[in-house]
PDB file of N, CA and C in Angstrom:
ATOM      1  N   MET A   1      28.723 142.624  40.852  1.00  0.00           N
ATOM      2  CA  MET A   1      28.750 143.531  39.726  1.00  0.00           C
ATOM      3  C   MET A   1      27.387 143.530  39.056  1.00  0.00           C
ATOM      4  N   ASN A   2      26.854 144.683  38.799  1.00  0.00           N
ATOM      5  CA  ASN A   2      25.521 144.811  38.230  1.00  0.00           C
ATOM      6  C   ASN A   2      25.506 144.817  36.714  1.00  0.00           C
ATOM      7  N   SER A   3      26.655 144.758  36.069  1.00  0.00           N
ATOM      8  CA  SER A   3      26.702 144.946  34.620  1.00  0.00           C
ATOM      9  C   SER A   3      25.947 143.892  33.838  1.00  0.00           C
ATOM     10  N   GLY A   4      25.621 142.765  34.450  1.00  0.00           N
ATOM     11  CA  GLY A   4      24.860 141.755  33.757  1.00  0.00           C
ATOM     12  C   GLY A   4      23.440 142.198  33.441  1.00  0.00           C
ATOM     13  N   LYS A   5      22.982 143.267  34.055  1.00  0.00           N
ATOM     14  CA  LYS A   5      21.624 143.745  33.860  1.00  0.00           C
ATOM     15  C   LYS A   5      21.494 144.644  32.643  1.00  0.00           C
ATOM     16  N   THR A   6      22.594 145.053  32.065  1.00  0.00           N
ATOM     17  CA  THR A   6      22.538 145.921  30.900  1.00  0.00           C
ATOM     18  C   THR A   6      22.926 145.128  29.676  1.00  0.00           C
ATOM     19  N   SER A   7      22.839 145.761  28.550  1.00  0.00           N
ATOM     20  CA  SER A   7      23.177 145.049  27.326  1.00  0.00           C
ATOM     21  C   SER A   7      23.939 145.946  26.385  1.00  0.00           C
ATOM     22  N   GLU A   8      24.312 145.361  25.271  1.00  0.00           N
ATOM     23  CA  GLU A   8      25.028 146.131  24.271  1.00  0.00           C
ATOM     24  C   GLU A   8      24.161 147.238  23.689  1.00  0.00           C
ATOM     25  N   SER A   9      22.855 147.159  23.884  1.00  0.00           N
ATOM     26  CA  SER A   9      21.960 148.162  23.318  1.00  0.00           C
ATOM     27  C   SER A   9      21.926 149.451  24.142  1.00  0.00           C
ATOM     28  N   THR A  10      22.621 149.474  25.281  1.00  0.00           N
ATOM     29  CA  THR A  10      22.700 150.707  26.059  1.00  0.00           C
ATOM     30  C   THR A  10      23.312 151.785  25.179  1.00  0.00           C
ATOM     31  N   THR A  11      22.582 152.889  25.049  1.00  0.00           N
ATOM     32  CA  THR A  11      23.019 153.946  24.144  1.00  0.00           C
ATOM     33  C   THR A  11      23.772 155.029  24.902  1.00  0.00           C
ATOM     34  N   LEU A  12      24.995 155.271  24.460  1.00  0.00           N
ATOM     35  CA  LEU A  12      25.794 156.359  24.993  1.00  0.00           C
ATOM     36  C   LEU A  12      25.910 157.430  23.921  1.00  0.00           C
ATOM     37  N   SER A  13      25.920 158.678  24.367  1.00  0.00           N
ATOM     38  CA  SER A  13      26.120 159.761  23.402  1.00  0.00           C
ATOM     39  C   SER A  13      27.551 159.707  22.875  1.00  0.00           C
ATOM     40  N   GLU A  14      27.798 160.443  21.826  1.00  0.00           N
ATOM     41  CA  GLU A  14      29.142 160.483  21.249  1.00  0.00           C
ATOM     42  C   GLU A  14      30.149 160.963  22.298  1.00  0.00           C
ATOM     43  N   ARG A  15      29.788 161.974  23.078  1.00  0.00           N
ATOM     44  CA  ARG A  15      30.681 162.510  24.117  1.00  0.00           C
ATOM     45  C   ARG A  15      30.881 161.481  25.220  1.00  0.00           C
ATOM     46  N   GLU A  16      29.814 160.781  25.617  1.00  0.00           N
ATOM     47  CA  GLU A  16      29.948 159.755  26.641  1.00  0.00           C
ATOM     48  C   GLU A  16      30.855 158.626  26.172  1.00  0.00           C
ATOM     49  N   GLN A  17      30.726 158.243  24.925  1.00  0.00           N
ATOM     50  CA  GLN A  17      31.594 157.200  24.367  1.00  0.00           C
ATOM     51  C   GLN A  17      33.050 157.654  24.384  1.00  0.00           C
ATOM     52  N   GLU A  18      33.269 158.910  24.021  1.00  0.00           N
ATOM     53  CA  GLU A  18      34.616 159.475  24.023  1.00  0.00           C
ATOM     54  C   GLU A  18      35.200 159.445  25.445  1.00  0.00           C
ATOM     55  N   ILE A  19      34.405 159.829  26.412  1.00  0.00           N
ATOM     56  CA  ILE A  19      34.859 159.825  27.805  1.00  0.00           C
ATOM     57  C   ILE A  19      35.097 158.403  28.283  1.00  0.00           C
ATOM     58  N   LEU A  20      34.234 157.481  27.928  1.00  0.00           N
ATOM     59  CA  LEU A  20      34.414 156.077  28.283  1.00  0.00           C
ATOM     60  C   LEU A  20      35.754 155.554  27.783  1.00  0.00           C
ATOM     61  N   GLU A  21      36.101 155.877  26.559  1.00  0.00           N
ATOM     62  CA  GLU A  21      37.381 155.432  26.001  1.00  0.00           C
ATOM     63  C   GLU A  21      38.557 156.013  26.783  1.00  0.00           C
ATOM     64  N   LEU A  22      38.444 157.253  27.225  1.00  0.00           N
ATOM     65  CA  LEU A  22      39.518 157.878  27.996  1.00  0.00           C
ATOM     66  C   LEU A  22      39.604 157.304  29.405  1.00  0.00           C
ATOM     67  N   VAL A  23      38.461 156.963  29.989  1.00  0.00           N
ATOM     68  CA  VAL A  23      38.453 156.280  31.283  1.00  0.00           C
ATOM     69  C   VAL A  23      39.168 154.934  31.137  1.00  0.00           C
ATOM     70  N   ALA A  24      38.874 154.231  30.061  1.00  0.00           N
ATOM     71  CA  ALA A  24      39.430 152.891  29.847  1.00  0.00           C
ATOM     72  C   ALA A  24      40.949 152.905  29.698  1.00  0.00           C
ATOM     73  N   ILE A  25      41.506 153.999  29.191  1.00  0.00           N
ATOM     74  CA  ILE A  25      42.975 154.043  29.072  1.00  0.00           C
ATOM     75  C   ILE A  25      43.630 154.563  30.344  1.00  0.00           C
ATOM     76  N   GLY A  26      42.795 154.884  31.355  1.00  0.00           N
ATOM     77  CA  GLY A  26      43.333 155.204  32.667  1.00  0.00           C
ATOM     78  C   GLY A  26      43.461 156.672  33.012  1.00  0.00           C
ATOM     79  N   LEU A  27      42.855 157.558  32.215  1.00  0.00           N
ATOM     80  CA  LEU A  27      42.946 158.976  32.534  1.00  0.00           C
ATOM     81  C   LEU A  27      42.047 159.327  33.706  1.00  0.00           C
ATOM     82  N   THR A  28      42.497 160.287  34.514  1.00  0.00           N
ATOM     83  CA  THR A  28      41.676 160.796  35.613  1.00  0.00           C
ATOM     84  C   THR A  28      40.644 161.769  35.040  1.00  0.00           C
ATOM     85  N   ASN A  29      39.689 162.146  35.862  1.00  0.00           N
ATOM     86  CA  ASN A  29      38.690 163.119  35.416  1.00  0.00           C
ATOM     87  C   ASN A  29      39.343 164.449  35.058  1.00  0.00           C
ATOM     88  N   ASN A  30      40.341 164.863  35.836  1.00  0.00           N
ATOM     89  CA  ASN A  30      41.052 166.100  35.509  1.00  0.00           C
ATOM     90  C   ASN A  30      41.740 165.997  34.152  1.00  0.00           C
ATOM     91  N   GLU A  31      42.407 164.875  33.906  1.00  0.00           N
ATOM     92  CA  GLU A  31      43.109 164.674  32.632  1.00  0.00           C
ATOM     93  C   GLU A  31      42.128 164.631  31.461  1.00  0.00           C
ATOM     94  N   ILE A  32      40.990 163.984  31.666  1.00  0.00           N
ATOM     95  CA  ILE A  32      39.966 163.930  30.617  1.00  0.00           C
ATOM     96  C   ILE A  32      39.471 165.343  30.313  1.00  0.00           C
ATOM     97  N   GLY A  33      39.208 166.122  31.358  1.00  0.00           N
ATOM     98  CA  GLY A  33      38.766 167.495  31.173  1.00  0.00           C
ATOM     99  C   GLY A  33      39.767 168.322  30.386  1.00  0.00           C
ATOM    100  N   GLU A  34      41.043 168.186  30.722  1.00  0.00           N
ATOM    101  CA  GLU A  34      42.082 168.922  30.006  1.00  0.00           C
ATOM    102  C   GLU A  34      42.146 168.493  28.545  1.00  0.00           C
ATOM    103  N   LYS A  35      42.091 167.191  28.315  1.00  0.00           N
ATOM    104  CA  LYS A  35      42.193 166.668  26.946  1.00  0.00           C
ATOM    105  C   LYS A  35      41.015 167.127  26.084  1.00  0.00           C
ATOM    106  N   LEU A  36      39.817 167.142  26.665  1.00  0.00           N
ATOM    107  CA  LEU A  36      38.626 167.501  25.903  1.00  0.00           C
ATOM    108  C   LEU A  36      38.278 168.991  26.012  1.00  0.00           C
ATOM    109  N   GLU A  37      39.077 169.700  26.796  1.00  0.00           N
ATOM    110  CA  GLU A  37      38.858 171.131  27.023  1.00  0.00           C
ATOM    111  C   GLU A  37      37.475 171.414  27.607  1.00  0.00           C
ATOM    112  N   ILE A  38      37.136 170.616  28.644  1.00  0.00           N
ATOM    113  CA  ILE A  38      35.912 170.821  29.406  1.00  0.00           C
ATOM    114  C   ILE A  38      36.287 170.784  30.883  1.00  0.00           C
ATOM    115  N   SER A  39      35.392 171.236  31.743  1.00  0.00           N
ATOM    116  CA  SER A  39      35.701 171.275  33.177  1.00  0.00           C
ATOM    117  C   SER A  39      35.651 169.869  33.778  1.00  0.00           C
ATOM    118  N   LYS A  40      36.357 169.718  34.901  1.00  0.00           N
ATOM    119  CA  LYS A  40      36.324 168.451  35.618  1.00  0.00           C
ATOM    120  C   LYS A  40      34.893 168.150  36.058  1.00  0.00           C
ATOM    121  N   ARG A  41      34.161 169.172  36.459  1.00  0.00           N
ATOM    122  CA  ARG A  41      32.774 168.971  36.897  1.00  0.00           C
ATOM    123  C   ARG A  41      31.914 168.408  35.759  1.00  0.00           C
ATOM    124  N   THR A  42      32.133 168.868  34.540  1.00  0.00           N
ATOM    125  CA  THR A  42      31.406 168.336  33.387  1.00  0.00           C
ATOM    126  C   THR A  42      31.766 166.871  33.164  1.00  0.00           C
ATOM    127  N   VAL A  43      33.047 166.551  33.310  1.00  0.00           N
ATOM    128  CA  VAL A  43      33.482 165.150  33.192  1.00  0.00           C
ATOM    129  C   VAL A  43      32.813 164.314  34.274  1.00  0.00           C
ATOM    130  N   ASP A  44      32.810 164.833  35.515  1.00  0.00           N
ATOM    131  CA  ASP A  44      32.151 164.116  36.615  1.00  0.00           C
ATOM    132  C   ASP A  44      30.695 163.811  36.274  1.00  0.00           C
ATOM    133  N   ASN A  45      29.998 164.796  35.738  1.00  0.00           N
ATOM    134  CA  ASN A  45      28.586 164.614  35.373  1.00  0.00           C
ATOM    135  C   ASN A  45      28.420 163.572  34.279  1.00  0.00           C
ATOM    136  N   HIS A  46      29.282 163.627  33.258  1.00  0.00           N
ATOM    137  CA  HIS A  46      29.212 162.632  32.181  1.00  0.00           C
ATOM    138  C   HIS A  46      29.440 161.223  32.734  1.00  0.00           C
ATOM    139  N   ILE A  47      30.447 161.074  33.576  1.00  0.00           N
ATOM    140  CA  ILE A  47      30.755 159.748  34.118  1.00  0.00           C
ATOM    141  C   ILE A  47      29.608 159.252  34.994  1.00  0.00           C
ATOM    142  N   SER A  48      29.022 160.132  35.777  1.00  0.00           N
ATOM    143  CA  SER A  48      27.860 159.753  36.582  1.00  0.00           C
ATOM    144  C   SER A  48      26.722 159.262  35.690  1.00  0.00           C
ATOM    145  N   ASN A  49      26.462 159.966  34.599  1.00  0.00           N
ATOM    146  CA  ASN A  49      25.420 159.547  33.661  1.00  0.00           C
ATOM    147  C   ASN A  49      25.748 158.202  33.015  1.00  0.00           C
ATOM    148  N   ILE A  50      27.014 158.013  32.658  1.00  0.00           N
ATOM    149  CA  ILE A  50      27.437 156.751  32.036  1.00  0.00           C
ATOM    150  C   ILE A  50      27.254 155.600  33.017  1.00  0.00           C
ATOM    151  N   LEU A  51      27.665 155.803  34.274  1.00  0.00           N
ATOM    152  CA  LEU A  51      27.504 154.752  35.286  1.00  0.00           C
ATOM    153  C   LEU A  51      26.033 154.398  35.475  1.00  0.00           C
ATOM    154  N   THR A  52      25.171 155.409  35.467  1.00  0.00           N
ATOM    155  CA  THR A  52      23.730 155.161  35.605  1.00  0.00           C
ATOM    156  C   THR A  52      23.196 154.383  34.412  1.00  0.00           C
ATOM    157  N   LYS A  53      23.539 154.822  33.212  1.00  0.00           N
ATOM    158  CA  LYS A  53      23.051 154.147  31.996  1.00  0.00           C
ATOM    159  C   LYS A  53      23.502 152.698  31.928  1.00  0.00           C
ATOM    160  N   THR A  54      24.738 152.439  32.349  1.00  0.00           N
ATOM    161  CA  THR A  54      25.290 151.089  32.241  1.00  0.00           C
ATOM    162  C   THR A  54      25.034 150.244  33.488  1.00  0.00           C
ATOM    163  N   LYS A  55      24.423 150.866  34.494  1.00  0.00           N
ATOM    164  CA  LYS A  55      24.123 150.191  35.760  1.00  0.00           C
ATOM    165  C   LYS A  55      25.384 149.584  36.379  1.00  0.00           C
ATOM    166  N   THR A  56      26.464 150.348  36.313  1.00  0.00           N
ATOM    167  CA  THR A  56      27.715 149.947  36.950  1.00  0.00           C
ATOM    168  C   THR A  56      27.965 150.886  38.120  1.00  0.00           C
ATOM    169  N   ASP A  57      28.769 150.421  39.074  1.00  0.00           N
ATOM    170  CA  ASP A  57      28.975 151.173  40.309  1.00  0.00           C
ATOM    171  C   ASP A  57      30.283 151.959  40.360  1.00  0.00           C
ATOM    172  N   ASN A  58      31.227 151.615  39.497  1.00  0.00           N
ATOM    173  CA  ASN A  58      32.521 152.284  39.547  1.00  0.00           C
ATOM    174  C   ASN A  58      33.239 152.134  38.205  1.00  0.00           C
ATOM    175  N   ARG A  59      34.399 152.755  38.095  1.00  0.00           N
ATOM    176  CA  ARG A  59      35.139 152.777  36.835  1.00  0.00           C
ATOM    177  C   ARG A  59      35.587 151.377  36.393  1.00  0.00           C
ATOM    178  N   VAL A  60      35.962 150.547  37.341  1.00  0.00           N
ATOM    179  CA  VAL A  60      36.408 149.189  36.993  1.00  0.00           C
ATOM    180  C   VAL A  60      35.248 148.409  36.381  1.00  0.00           C
ATOM    181  N   GLU A  61      34.096 148.441  37.039  1.00  0.00           N
ATOM    182  CA  GLU A  61      32.921 147.754  36.486  1.00  0.00           C
ATOM    183  C   GLU A  61      32.548 148.339  35.129  1.00  0.00           C
ATOM    184  N   LEU A  62      32.673 149.651  35.002  1.00  0.00           N
ATOM    185  CA  LEU A  62      32.341 150.307  33.738  1.00  0.00           C
ATOM    186  C   LEU A  62      33.230 149.802  32.610  1.00  0.00           C
ATOM    187  N   VAL A  63      34.519 149.724  32.844  1.00  0.00           N
ATOM    188  CA  VAL A  63      35.445 149.250  31.798  1.00  0.00           C
ATOM    189  C   VAL A  63      35.173 147.781  31.481  1.00  0.00           C
ATOM    190  N   ARG A  64      34.897 146.977  32.502  1.00  0.00           N
ATOM    191  CA  ARG A  64      34.550 145.567  32.255  1.00  0.00           C
ATOM    192  C   ARG A  64      33.287 145.467  31.404  1.00  0.00           C
ATOM    193  N   TRP A  65      32.287 146.297  31.722  1.00  0.00           N
ATOM    194  CA  TRP A  65      31.052 146.323  30.933  1.00  0.00           C
ATOM    195  C   TRP A  65      31.358 146.708  29.485  1.00  0.00           C
ATOM    196  N   ALA A  66      32.155 147.746  29.311  1.00  0.00           N
ATOM    197  CA  ALA A  66      32.471 148.234  27.970  1.00  0.00           C
ATOM    198  C   ALA A  66      33.217 147.179  27.149  1.00  0.00           C
ATOM    199  N   LEU A  67      34.113 146.452  27.776  1.00  0.00           N
ATOM    200  CA  LEU A  67      34.817 145.371  27.078  1.00  0.00           C
ATOM    201  C   LEU A  67      33.854 144.234  26.738  1.00  0.00           C
ATOM    202  N   GLN A  68      33.001 143.878  27.685  1.00  0.00           N
ATOM    203  CA  GLN A  68      32.048 142.784  27.476  1.00  0.00           C
ATOM    204  C   GLN A  68      31.145 143.060  26.284  1.00  0.00           C
ATOM    205  N   TRP A  69      30.688 144.296  26.146  1.00  0.00           N
ATOM    206  CA  TRP A  69      29.733 144.637  25.103  1.00  0.00           C
ATOM    207  C   TRP A  69      30.386 145.254  23.870  1.00  0.00           C
ATOM    208  N   GLY A  70      31.706 145.231  23.802  1.00  0.00           N
ATOM    209  CA  GLY A  70      32.393 145.717  22.604  1.00  0.00           C
ATOM    210  C   GLY A  70      32.309 147.215  22.399  1.00  0.00           C
ATOM    211  N   LYS A  71      32.173 147.974  23.480  1.00  0.00           N
ATOM    212  CA  LYS A  71      32.066 149.431  23.371  1.00  0.00           C
ATOM    213  C   LYS A  71      33.432 150.096  23.269  1.00  0.00           C
ATOM    214  N   ILE A  72      34.475 149.380  23.700  1.00  0.00           N
ATOM    215  CA  ILE A  72      35.832 149.914  23.639  1.00  0.00           C
ATOM    216  C   ILE A  72      36.777 148.840  23.141  1.00  0.00           C
ATOM    217  N   CYS A  73      37.938 149.274  22.742  1.00  0.00           N
ATOM    218  CA  CYS A  73      39.008 148.386  22.298  1.00  0.00           C
ATOM    219  C   CYS A  73      40.263 148.792  23.060  1.00  0.00           C
ATOM    220  N   LEU A  74      40.879 147.861  23.759  1.00  0.00           N
ATOM    221  CA  LEU A  74      42.101 148.141  24.495  1.00  0.00           C
ATOM    222  C   LEU A  74      43.222 147.258  23.986  1.00  0.00           C
ATOM    223  N   ASP A  75      44.280 147.881  23.488  1.00  0.00           N
ATOM    224  CA  ASP A  75      45.466 147.142  23.055  1.00  0.00           C
ATOM    225  C   ASP A  75      45.121 145.943  22.171  1.00  0.00           C
ATOM    226  N   GLU A  76      44.260 146.190  21.213  1.00  0.00           N
ATOM    227  CA  GLU A  76      43.843 145.162  20.259  1.00  0.00           C
ATOM    228  C   GLU A  76      43.030 144.035  20.883  1.00  0.00           C
ATOM    229  N   VAL A  77      42.559 144.207  22.129  1.00  0.00           N
ATOM    230  CA  VAL A  77      41.691 143.230  22.779  1.00  0.00           C
ATOM    231  C   VAL A  77      40.259 143.679  22.566  1.00  0.00           C
ATOM    232  N   ASN A  78      39.429 142.764  22.154  1.00  0.00           N
ATOM    233  CA  ASN A  78      38.001 143.044  21.950  1.00  0.00           C
ATOM    234  C   ASN A  78      37.752 143.945  20.756  1.00  0.00           C
ATOM    235  N   CYS A  79      38.664 143.989  19.829  1.00  0.00           N
ATOM    236  CA  CYS A  79      38.498 144.845  18.656  1.00  0.00           C
ATOM    237  C   CYS A  79      37.756 144.054  17.579  1.00  0.00           C
ATOM    238  N   CYS A  80      36.785 144.681  17.030  1.00  0.00           N
ATOM    239  CA  CYS A  80      36.002 144.047  15.992  1.00  0.00           C
ATOM    240  C   CYS A  80      36.524 144.505  14.633  1.00  0.00           C
ATOM    241  N   VAL A  81      36.950 143.562  13.826  1.00  0.00           N
ATOM    242  CA  VAL A  81      37.416 143.893  12.497  1.00  0.00           C
ATOM    243  C   VAL A  81      36.290 143.561  11.519  1.00  0.00           C
ATOM    244  N   LEU A  82      35.873 144.559  10.781  1.00  0.00           N
ATOM    245  CA  LEU A  82      34.804 144.339   9.817  1.00  0.00           C
ATOM    246  C   LEU A  82      35.334 143.541   8.634  1.00  0.00           C
ATOM    247  N   PRO A  83      34.537 142.624   8.134  1.00  0.00           N
ATOM    248  CA  PRO A  83      34.982 141.843   6.968  1.00  0.00           C
ATOM    249  C   PRO A  83      35.123 142.749   5.750  1.00  0.00           C
ATOM    250  N   GLU A  84      36.112 142.434   4.949  1.00  0.00           N
ATOM    251  CA  GLU A  84      36.303 143.192   3.724  1.00  0.00           C
ATOM    252  C   GLU A  84      35.242 142.793   2.711  1.00  0.00           C
ATOM    253  N   THR A  85      34.750 143.774   1.976  1.00  0.00           N
ATOM    254  CA  THR A  85      33.763 143.467   0.945  1.00  0.00           C
ATOM    255  C   THR A  85      34.497 143.241  -0.362  1.00  0.00           C
ATOM    256  N   SER A  86      34.000 142.311  -1.126  1.00  0.00           N
ATOM    257  CA  SER A  86      34.611 142.062  -2.428  1.00  0.00           C
ATOM    258  C   SER A  86      33.790 142.773  -3.482  1.00  0.00           C
ATOM    259  N   ASP A  87      34.428 143.665  -4.196  1.00  0.00           N
ATOM    260  CA  ASP A  87      33.740 144.436  -5.258  1.00  0.00           C
ATOM    261  C   ASP A  87      34.045 143.895  -6.623  1.00  0.00           C
TER     262      ASP A  87
END
């Protein structure tokens, strides 16, 4: 797995982050396209760009990378809760 070569500083666009979250919950590219009202080809392109940016080879590695770097939250796993401020 190549994900050790990237870091949490890898910048994803807002749309790429949205697609990453949908990949992580198990949606297919067709389902993501329908949900976001974009073509499957556009989803394919976004996922290809995300894989390149994160230096991962497939969806499984991508989700592992996203969990490792706190880019996604699945079923309350890896969720960051911000501390409450006292006013």
